[in-house]
Amino acid sequence: MNKRANCFINIFMKLIEQAKKLPLLPGVYLFINKKGKVLYVGRAISLRKRVLNYFQKNLDQRIGEMVNLASKINYQKTGNILEAIILEANLIKKYWPKYNIKEKDDRSFLYVVISKNDYPRPIILRGRELKKFYFRQANVFGPYTSLALIKNALKIIRRIFPYGTCRPNQGKPCFDYQIGLCPGACIGAISKNDYQKNIKNIILMLSGQHKKLIEKLKYENPEKIKALRHIQDVALITKEESTTNAKFNRIEGYDISHLTGRETYGSLAVFISGQPDKASYRLFKIKNAPASDDLKALKEIIVRRFKHLEWPFPDLILIDGGKPQVDYIEKTLKDLNINIALMGISKLAGDKLVFPAKTKKSIKESTEAITETLIELRDEAHRFALKSSRISREKGVFGKNKGRD
């Protein structure tokens, strides 16, 4: 064994020993290289259990490459997973680690924006939507990587520091006021100053200034301190565990697009561990199916895809469509003797998840926990089809465009 290989093994074993000594507590971990640069920031319900997962076999290429470059693991404990989500976002913003943003367009990250008006409320935006706001007129927090997690985080925060989504002084109580989530700006039940106190507390919380928030509440509202210390983040833990222990490491999303009135294309987008794996995307020009027959076009790209035994098989297949599409592709997979979980997302039914008739309850529950990721994958497959086919037409030679079958 040469000196370089021996050095690598020593560093790898050192990282494992560090991971074994991490606490079984919520927090944030940082993989750092030998030059002291942060490679990756992650959050965990249990730091030790989560970080030890990075030393198992069959990691996806991006994470495996990151672990190979790391020489040290740092961590920060938090009081709960909500604090970990917030701290993770602030550390990603501070360091912009390569392996948090690799293969992910900054415009697709999520941000919480709170405008600077009398009765603001937190709203969630993609990075590409931030240009709508002048930063002097809004507080911006993030980036966050999971829409489901940040939505649930805001639900918990709102129970402690209520805010309205209604029109102030509208003359009648909104529904949220009746269930205790709105402080009553709609009917003048709260002054502008008291409303702003709640918003300032949310801003401190999202900024990660937990100690400053606690000191502020000691004088302002000590009861809120108890609420912060006893946050019931079951929903966050459920989402976090479904992400960490996801049964679906590789998910393939398929879409059919009619792009010039004559040509039909099928697209394949791939997510690995919840992130786009753009090197695995493929575009199929439909060769045999009739131009107006989306079912046969879907069947064609599924059949062509599974002729490629050199491509890793997915853990889940997602198609853009409802029950007719799902039933048709289920039969196609059976004919191919392929046993892979299948589902669809129906736009016509309001992005409803659709499953074959005898899908196991465990599969339904696991997919429902990552609904936002699945919708993002569905949209990504459609976006890729439009972008790639446009490039193909501009070049004039379909076969020379990267990423086709």
Protein backbone atom coordinates (compact mmCIF):
# COMPACT_ATOMS: atom_id res chain seq x y z
CA MET A 1 0.00 0.00 0.00
CA ASN A 2 1.47 3.38 -1.01
CA LYS A 3 1.85 6.32 1.37
CA ARG A 4 -1.03 8.30 -0.16
CA ALA A 5 -3.52 5.43 0.23
CA ASN A 6 -2.37 4.81 3.78
CA CYS A 7 -2.88 8.51 4.62
CA PHE A 8 -6.39 8.42 3.17
CA ILE A 9 -7.34 5.37 5.25
CA ASN A 10 -5.99 7.03 8.41
CA ILE A 11 -8.04 10.18 7.79
CA PHE A 12 -11.15 8.11 7.00
CA MET A 13 -10.80 6.13 10.25
CA LYS A 14 -10.21 9.36 12.17
CA LEU A 15 -13.47 10.78 10.79
CA ILE A 16 -15.36 7.66 11.88
CA GLU A 17 -13.92 7.98 15.39
CA GLN A 18 -15.02 11.63 15.48
CA ALA A 19 -18.51 10.63 14.34
CA LYS A 20 -18.78 7.99 17.09
CA LYS A 21 -18.09 10.65 19.73
CA LEU A 22 -20.81 13.03 18.56
CA PRO A 23 -23.76 13.49 20.94
CA LEU A 24 -27.12 11.80 20.43
CA LEU A 25 -28.72 15.24 20.30
CA PRO A 26 -30.16 17.61 17.68
CA GLY A 27 -27.76 19.95 15.98
CA VAL A 28 -25.74 20.88 12.92
CA TYR A 29 -22.59 19.20 11.62
CA LEU A 30 -19.91 20.53 9.28
CA PHE A 31 -17.52 18.49 7.12
CA ILE A 32 -14.25 20.44 6.77
CA ASN A 33 -11.24 19.82 4.50
CA LYS A 34 -7.55 19.97 5.46
CA LYS A 35 -7.37 23.68 4.52
CA GLY A 36 -10.16 24.49 6.98
CA LYS A 37 -12.77 25.10 4.29
CA VAL A 38 -16.35 24.00 5.02
CA LEU A 39 -17.39 21.37 2.46
CA TYR A 40 -20.88 20.59 3.69
CA VAL A 41 -23.36 21.63 6.38
CA GLY A 42 -26.16 19.33 7.53
CA ARG A 43 -28.73 19.09 10.32
CA ALA A 44 -29.73 16.13 12.44
CA ILE A 45 -32.15 14.91 15.07
CA SER A 46 -29.27 12.82 16.42
CA LEU A 47 -25.84 14.08 15.39
CA ARG A 48 -24.05 10.79 15.97
CA LYS A 49 -26.57 8.60 14.13
CA ARG A 50 -26.84 10.98 11.18
CA VAL A 51 -23.11 11.50 10.64
CA LEU A 52 -22.31 7.78 10.94
CA ASN A 53 -24.60 7.25 7.93
CA TYR A 54 -21.96 8.99 5.79
CA PHE A 55 -19.60 6.05 6.25
CA GLN A 56 -21.87 3.38 4.83
CA LYS A 57 -21.52 1.83 1.40
CA ASN A 58 -23.46 2.93 -1.67
CA LEU A 59 -23.37 6.68 -1.03
CA ASP A 60 -24.30 8.79 -4.03
CA GLN A 61 -21.35 10.24 -5.93
CA ARG A 62 -21.64 13.79 -4.61
CA ILE A 63 -21.65 12.80 -0.93
CA GLY A 64 -18.96 10.15 -1.40
CA GLU A 65 -16.68 12.71 -3.02
CA MET A 66 -17.30 15.14 -0.14
CA VAL A 67 -16.46 12.56 2.54
CA ASN A 68 -13.24 11.65 0.70
CA LEU A 69 -12.13 15.30 0.79
CA ALA A 70 -12.98 15.86 4.47
CA SER A 71 -10.42 15.78 7.26
CA LYS A 72 -12.51 16.95 10.24
CA ILE A 73 -16.09 17.08 11.50
CA ASN A 74 -17.29 20.02 13.59
CA TYR A 75 -20.72 20.32 15.18
CA GLN A 76 -23.03 22.62 17.14
CA LYS A 77 -25.75 21.29 19.44
CA THR A 78 -29.21 22.87 19.38
CA GLY A 79 -32.19 22.67 21.71
CA ASN A 80 -34.42 21.06 19.07
CA ILE A 81 -34.69 20.29 15.37
CA LEU A 82 -36.35 23.66 14.65
CA GLU A 83 -33.24 25.46 15.89
CA ALA A 84 -31.12 23.06 13.83
CA ILE A 85 -33.04 23.90 10.64
CA ILE A 86 -32.52 27.62 11.27
CA LEU A 87 -28.83 27.23 12.18
CA GLU A 88 -28.19 25.06 9.12
CA ALA A 89 -29.62 27.74 6.82
CA ASN A 90 -27.55 30.49 8.46
CA LEU A 91 -24.34 28.46 8.17
CA ILE A 92 -25.01 27.63 4.51
CA LYS A 93 -25.51 31.36 3.90
CA LYS A 94 -22.25 32.11 5.74
CA TYR A 95 -20.04 29.52 4.03
CA TRP A 96 -21.87 28.52 0.79
CA PRO A 97 -20.30 25.04 1.04
CA LYS A 98 -19.52 23.43 -2.29
CA TYR A 99 -21.42 20.21 -1.59
CA ASN A 100 -24.56 21.97 -0.39
CA ILE A 101 -24.86 23.90 -3.64
CA LYS A 102 -23.27 21.46 -6.12
CA GLU A 103 -25.76 20.44 -8.83
CA LYS A 104 -28.31 22.88 -7.34
CA ASP A 105 -29.07 26.21 -8.95
CA ASP A 106 -29.07 28.98 -6.30
CA ARG A 107 -32.35 30.19 -7.77
CA SER A 108 -34.07 27.00 -6.58
CA PHE A 109 -33.15 27.43 -2.89
CA LEU A 110 -35.94 28.54 -0.57
CA TYR A 111 -36.03 31.75 1.44
CA VAL A 112 -38.32 33.26 4.06
CA VAL A 113 -39.01 36.93 3.38
CA ILE A 114 -40.58 39.38 5.86
CA SER A 115 -41.33 42.77 4.38
CA LYS A 116 -40.87 45.99 6.37
CA ASN A 117 -44.44 47.27 6.55
CA ASP A 118 -46.91 47.72 9.41
CA TYR A 119 -48.45 44.23 9.39
CA PRO A 120 -46.04 41.90 7.57
CA ARG A 121 -46.04 38.12 7.48
CA PRO A 122 -43.37 35.58 6.53
CA ILE A 123 -43.65 34.29 2.97
CA ILE A 124 -41.63 31.54 1.28
CA LEU A 125 -39.93 32.28 -2.06
CA ARG A 126 -37.54 30.52 -4.42
CA GLY A 127 -34.22 32.22 -5.01
CA ARG A 128 -35.30 33.19 -8.53
CA GLU A 129 -38.22 35.15 -7.03
CA LEU A 130 -36.11 37.26 -4.67
CA LYS A 131 -35.48 39.92 -7.32
CA LYS A 132 -39.05 41.10 -6.66
CA PHE A 133 -37.89 42.48 -3.32
CA TYR A 134 -35.56 45.32 -2.50
CA PHE A 135 -33.54 44.00 0.44
CA ARG A 136 -33.71 47.36 2.21
CA GLN A 137 -37.47 46.85 2.35
CA ALA A 138 -37.46 43.23 3.53
CA ASN A 139 -35.70 40.78 5.85
CA VAL A 140 -34.54 37.68 4.00
CA PHE A 141 -33.68 34.36 5.70
CA GLY A 142 -32.26 31.20 4.18
CA PRO A 143 -31.32 29.36 2.08
CA TYR A 144 -33.46 26.38 3.05
CA THR A 145 -33.50 23.13 1.10
CA SER A 146 -36.89 21.62 1.96
CA LEU A 147 -40.22 23.35 1.39
CA ALA A 148 -42.06 20.88 3.63
CA LEU A 149 -39.66 21.49 6.52
CA ILE A 150 -39.73 25.29 6.36
CA LYS A 151 -43.54 25.28 6.05
CA ASN A 152 -43.80 23.17 9.20
CA ALA A 153 -41.19 25.33 10.94
CA LEU A 154 -43.28 28.45 10.26
CA LYS A 155 -46.41 26.70 11.55
CA ILE A 156 -44.63 26.04 14.86
CA ILE A 157 -43.22 29.57 15.04
CA ARG A 158 -46.67 31.02 14.34
CA ARG A 159 -48.17 29.16 17.31
CA ILE A 160 -45.67 30.95 19.56
CA PHE A 161 -45.58 34.33 17.80
CA PRO A 162 -48.91 34.72 15.94
CA TYR A 163 -49.11 36.74 12.73
CA GLY A 164 -51.88 37.40 10.26
CA THR A 165 -52.30 36.44 6.63
CA CYS A 166 -55.51 38.49 6.39
CA ARG A 167 -56.13 42.13 5.48
CA PRO A 168 -55.68 44.43 8.52
CA ASN A 169 -58.85 46.14 9.78
CA GLN A 170 -61.07 44.28 7.33
CA GLY A 171 -63.96 44.48 9.79
CA LYS A 172 -64.55 40.79 10.42
CA PRO A 173 -62.41 38.10 12.10
CA CYS A 174 -60.53 35.75 9.82
CA PHE A 175 -60.57 31.99 10.34
CA ASP A 176 -57.01 31.96 11.71
CA TYR A 177 -58.04 34.44 14.42
CA GLN A 178 -60.75 32.05 15.56
CA ILE A 179 -58.20 29.23 16.01
CA GLY A 180 -55.56 31.41 17.67
CA LEU A 181 -53.02 31.76 14.86
CA CYS A 182 -53.84 35.36 13.92
CA PRO A 183 -53.46 37.99 16.69
CA GLY A 184 -56.43 39.93 15.32
CA ALA A 185 -55.11 42.68 13.07
CA CYS A 186 -58.16 41.94 10.91
CA ILE A 187 -60.50 43.38 13.57
CA GLY A 188 -58.13 45.78 15.33
CA ALA A 189 -57.62 43.43 18.31
CA ILE A 190 -53.87 44.09 18.35
CA SER A 191 -51.98 47.36 18.02
CA LYS A 192 -49.36 47.89 15.36
CA ASN A 193 -46.64 48.05 18.05
CA ASP A 194 -47.66 44.73 19.64
CA TYR A 195 -47.95 43.09 16.23
CA GLN A 196 -44.45 44.33 15.40
CA LYS A 197 -43.13 42.78 18.63
CA ASN A 198 -44.19 39.35 17.37
CA ILE A 199 -42.57 40.00 13.99
CA LYS A 200 -39.32 41.18 15.62
CA ASN A 201 -39.26 38.00 17.72
CA ILE A 202 -39.69 35.89 14.57
CA ILE A 203 -36.85 37.83 12.94
CA LEU A 204 -34.58 37.12 15.93
CA MET A 205 -35.53 33.46 15.80
CA LEU A 206 -34.88 33.08 12.06
CA SER A 207 -31.61 35.00 12.45
CA GLY A 208 -30.43 32.36 14.92
CA GLN A 209 -30.20 34.92 17.75
CA HIS A 210 -31.74 32.58 20.30
CA LYS A 211 -30.02 34.02 23.38
CA LYS A 212 -30.98 37.57 22.45
CA LEU A 213 -34.57 36.44 21.91
CA ILE A 214 -34.69 34.80 25.36
CA GLU A 215 -33.32 37.95 27.01
CA LYS A 216 -35.92 40.06 25.21
CA LEU A 217 -38.74 37.77 26.29
CA LYS A 218 -37.68 37.86 29.96
CA TYR A 219 -38.94 41.43 30.07
CA GLU A 220 -41.59 41.26 27.37
CA ASN A 221 -43.38 37.94 27.84
CA PRO A 222 -41.76 35.25 30.06
CA GLU A 223 -44.51 32.73 29.20
CA LYS A 224 -43.17 32.61 25.64
CA ILE A 225 -39.84 31.30 26.97
CA LYS A 226 -41.60 28.18 28.24
CA ALA A 227 -43.22 27.72 24.84
CA LEU A 228 -39.84 27.97 23.12
CA ARG A 229 -38.30 25.42 25.47
CA HIS A 230 -41.11 22.94 24.93
CA ILE A 231 -41.55 23.14 21.20
CA GLN A 232 -43.51 20.14 19.97
CA ASP A 233 -41.68 19.54 16.72
CA VAL A 234 -43.13 16.10 15.97
CA ALA A 235 -44.02 17.21 12.43
CA LEU A 236 -40.44 18.38 11.84
CA ILE A 237 -38.99 15.16 13.24
CA THR A 238 -41.29 13.10 11.00
CA LYS A 239 -40.21 15.10 7.93
CA GLU A 240 -36.56 14.96 8.98
CA GLU A 241 -36.62 11.21 9.50
CA SER A 242 -38.33 10.65 6.16
CA THR A 243 -35.52 12.67 4.52
CA THR A 244 -32.68 11.08 6.48
CA ASN A 245 -33.97 7.53 6.26
CA ALA A 246 -35.56 7.89 2.84
CA LYS A 247 -36.37 4.59 1.18
CA PHE A 248 -36.14 6.35 -2.16
CA ASN A 249 -32.53 7.34 -2.71
CA ARG A 250 -32.84 7.57 -6.52
CA ILE A 251 -36.13 8.84 -7.93
CA GLU A 252 -36.75 9.14 -11.66
CA GLY A 253 -39.36 11.58 -12.99
CA TYR A 254 -40.84 11.29 -16.50
CA ASP A 255 -42.73 13.83 -18.59
CA ILE A 256 -44.09 14.00 -22.13
CA SER A 257 -43.93 17.32 -24.01
CA HIS A 258 -45.26 18.37 -27.42
CA LEU A 259 -42.89 21.08 -28.47
CA THR A 260 -43.49 22.15 -32.04
CA GLY A 261 -46.91 20.72 -32.80
CA ARG A 262 -45.27 17.82 -34.59
CA GLU A 263 -42.41 16.56 -32.44
CA THR A 264 -42.98 14.75 -29.14
CA TYR A 265 -40.28 14.37 -26.51
CA GLY A 266 -40.01 12.42 -23.31
CA SER A 267 -37.79 13.62 -20.50
CA LEU A 268 -36.16 11.85 -17.58
CA ALA A 269 -35.02 13.89 -14.56
CA VAL A 270 -33.28 12.24 -11.60
CA PHE A 271 -33.13 13.19 -7.92
CA ILE A 272 -30.65 11.45 -5.62
CA SER A 273 -31.06 11.98 -1.87
CA GLY A 274 -33.56 14.73 -2.65
CA GLN A 275 -31.22 16.69 -4.93
CA PRO A 276 -31.07 16.95 -8.75
CA ASP A 277 -28.48 14.69 -10.39
CA LYS A 278 -28.28 16.57 -13.69
CA ALA A 279 -25.62 14.29 -15.15
CA SER A 280 -28.27 11.53 -15.20
CA TYR A 281 -30.97 13.54 -17.01
CA ARG A 282 -31.99 12.17 -20.40
CA LEU A 283 -34.15 13.44 -23.29
CA PHE A 284 -35.96 10.99 -25.59
CA LYS A 285 -37.27 11.92 -29.02
CA ILE A 286 -40.40 9.81 -29.47
CA LYS A 287 -39.91 7.54 -32.48
CA ASN A 288 -42.83 5.12 -32.60
CA ALA A 289 -45.82 6.40 -30.60
CA PRO A 290 -48.48 8.45 -32.47
CA ALA A 291 -48.07 12.20 -31.99
CA SER A 292 -51.24 12.59 -29.94
CA ASP A 293 -50.90 9.44 -27.80
CA ASP A 294 -49.21 10.37 -24.53
CA LEU A 295 -49.78 6.94 -22.99
CA LYS A 296 -47.88 5.15 -25.75
CA ALA A 297 -45.20 7.85 -25.66
CA LEU A 298 -44.73 7.23 -21.93
CA LYS A 299 -44.57 3.50 -22.54
CA GLU A 300 -41.96 4.03 -25.24
CA ILE A 301 -39.59 6.01 -23.04
CA ILE A 302 -40.01 3.58 -20.12
CA VAL A 303 -39.18 0.62 -22.39
CA ARG A 304 -36.19 2.45 -23.91
CA ARG A 305 -34.94 3.58 -20.52
CA PHE A 306 -34.88 0.05 -19.06
CA LYS A 307 -32.90 -1.27 -21.99
CA HIS A 308 -30.02 0.68 -20.46
CA LEU A 309 -28.86 -1.80 -17.86
CA GLU A 310 -25.76 0.33 -17.29
CA TRP A 311 -27.91 3.09 -15.75
CA PRO A 312 -28.63 2.59 -12.03
CA PHE A 313 -32.20 1.47 -11.43
CA PRO A 314 -34.43 3.86 -9.45
CA ASP A 315 -36.08 3.21 -6.10
CA LEU A 316 -39.18 5.10 -7.26
CA ILE A 317 -40.65 6.04 -10.66
CA LEU A 318 -42.68 9.25 -10.86
CA ILE A 319 -44.78 10.15 -13.89
CA ASP A 320 -46.62 13.36 -14.67
CA GLY A 321 -50.20 12.13 -14.81
CA GLY A 322 -53.15 10.61 -13.01
CA LYS A 323 -54.76 7.18 -12.79
CA PRO A 324 -54.85 6.40 -16.56
CA GLN A 325 -51.12 7.04 -16.88
CA VAL A 326 -50.25 5.18 -13.67
CA ASP A 327 -52.32 2.11 -14.59
CA TYR A 328 -50.86 2.02 -18.10
CA ILE A 329 -47.25 2.26 -16.93
CA GLU A 330 -47.87 -0.26 -14.15
CA LYS A 331 -48.81 -2.79 -16.83
CA THR A 332 -45.75 -1.78 -18.88
CA LEU A 333 -43.45 -2.45 -15.92
CA LYS A 334 -45.12 -5.83 -15.29
CA ASP A 335 -44.59 -6.76 -18.94
CA LEU A 336 -40.91 -5.85 -18.53
CA ASN A 337 -40.77 -7.91 -15.30
CA ILE A 338 -39.62 -4.83 -13.38
CA ASN A 339 -40.70 -4.46 -9.76
CA ILE A 340 -40.13 -0.79 -8.82
CA ALA A 341 -42.43 1.49 -6.82
CA LEU A 342 -44.53 3.69 -9.14
CA MET A 343 -46.65 6.79 -8.66
CA GLY A 344 -48.02 9.79 -10.51
CA ILE A 345 -48.84 13.41 -9.72
CA SER A 346 -52.09 14.64 -11.21
CA LYS A 347 -52.14 18.35 -12.07
CA LEU A 348 -55.84 18.16 -12.89
CA ALA A 349 -56.54 16.98 -9.32
CA GLY A 350 -54.48 19.73 -7.70
CA ASP A 351 -51.14 17.86 -7.61
CA LYS A 352 -52.73 14.81 -6.00
CA LEU A 353 -50.46 11.79 -5.53
CA VAL A 354 -51.76 8.77 -7.47
CA PHE A 355 -50.74 5.14 -6.89
CA PRO A 356 -51.39 1.75 -8.48
CA ALA A 357 -54.23 -0.19 -6.87
CA LYS A 358 -52.22 -2.50 -4.59
CA THR A 359 -49.50 -0.07 -3.45
CA LYS A 360 -48.32 -0.78 0.11
CA LYS A 361 -49.28 1.65 2.84
CA SER A 362 -45.60 2.14 3.76
CA ILE A 363 -44.80 3.35 0.23
CA LYS A 364 -47.73 5.79 0.26
CA GLU A 365 -46.68 7.20 3.63
CA SER A 366 -43.03 7.54 2.56
CA THR A 367 -43.93 9.37 -0.64
CA GLU A 368 -46.45 11.63 1.07
CA ALA A 369 -43.69 12.74 3.46
CA ILE A 370 -41.66 14.01 0.48
CA THR A 371 -44.51 15.45 -1.57
CA GLU A 372 -42.80 18.80 -2.15
CA THR A 373 -39.66 17.07 -3.43
CA LEU A 374 -41.76 14.97 -5.81
CA ILE A 375 -43.56 18.03 -7.17
CA GLU A 376 -40.18 19.70 -7.67
CA LEU A 377 -38.95 16.64 -9.58
CA ARG A 378 -42.09 16.60 -11.75
CA ASP A 379 -41.55 20.28 -12.59
CA GLU A 380 -37.86 19.67 -13.22
CA ALA A 381 -38.63 16.92 -15.77
CA HIS A 382 -40.93 19.32 -17.63
CA ARG A 383 -38.41 22.18 -17.50
CA PHE A 384 -35.64 19.92 -18.78
CA ALA A 385 -37.76 18.74 -21.72
CA LEU A 386 -38.50 22.32 -22.80
CA LYS A 387 -34.93 23.55 -22.37
CA SER A 388 -33.19 20.59 -23.98
CA SER A 389 -35.50 20.34 -26.98
CA ARG A 390 -35.13 24.07 -27.64
CA ILE A 391 -31.35 23.68 -27.66
CA SER A 392 -31.70 20.67 -29.97
CA ARG A 393 -33.81 22.61 -32.46
CA GLU A 394 -31.40 25.55 -32.37
CA LYS A 395 -28.49 23.24 -33.13
CA GLY A 396 -30.52 21.52 -35.81
CA VAL A 397 -28.99 18.15 -35.05
CA PHE A 398 -30.78 16.23 -32.31
CA GLY A 399 -28.14 13.54 -31.96
CA LYS A 400 -25.40 16.02 -30.99
CA ASN A 401 -27.21 17.38 -27.92
CA LYS A 402 -25.91 16.11 -24.59
CA GLY A 403 -28.05 13.81 -22.49
CA ARG A 404 -30.28 12.00 -25.02
CA ASP A 405 -31.19 8.36 -25.47
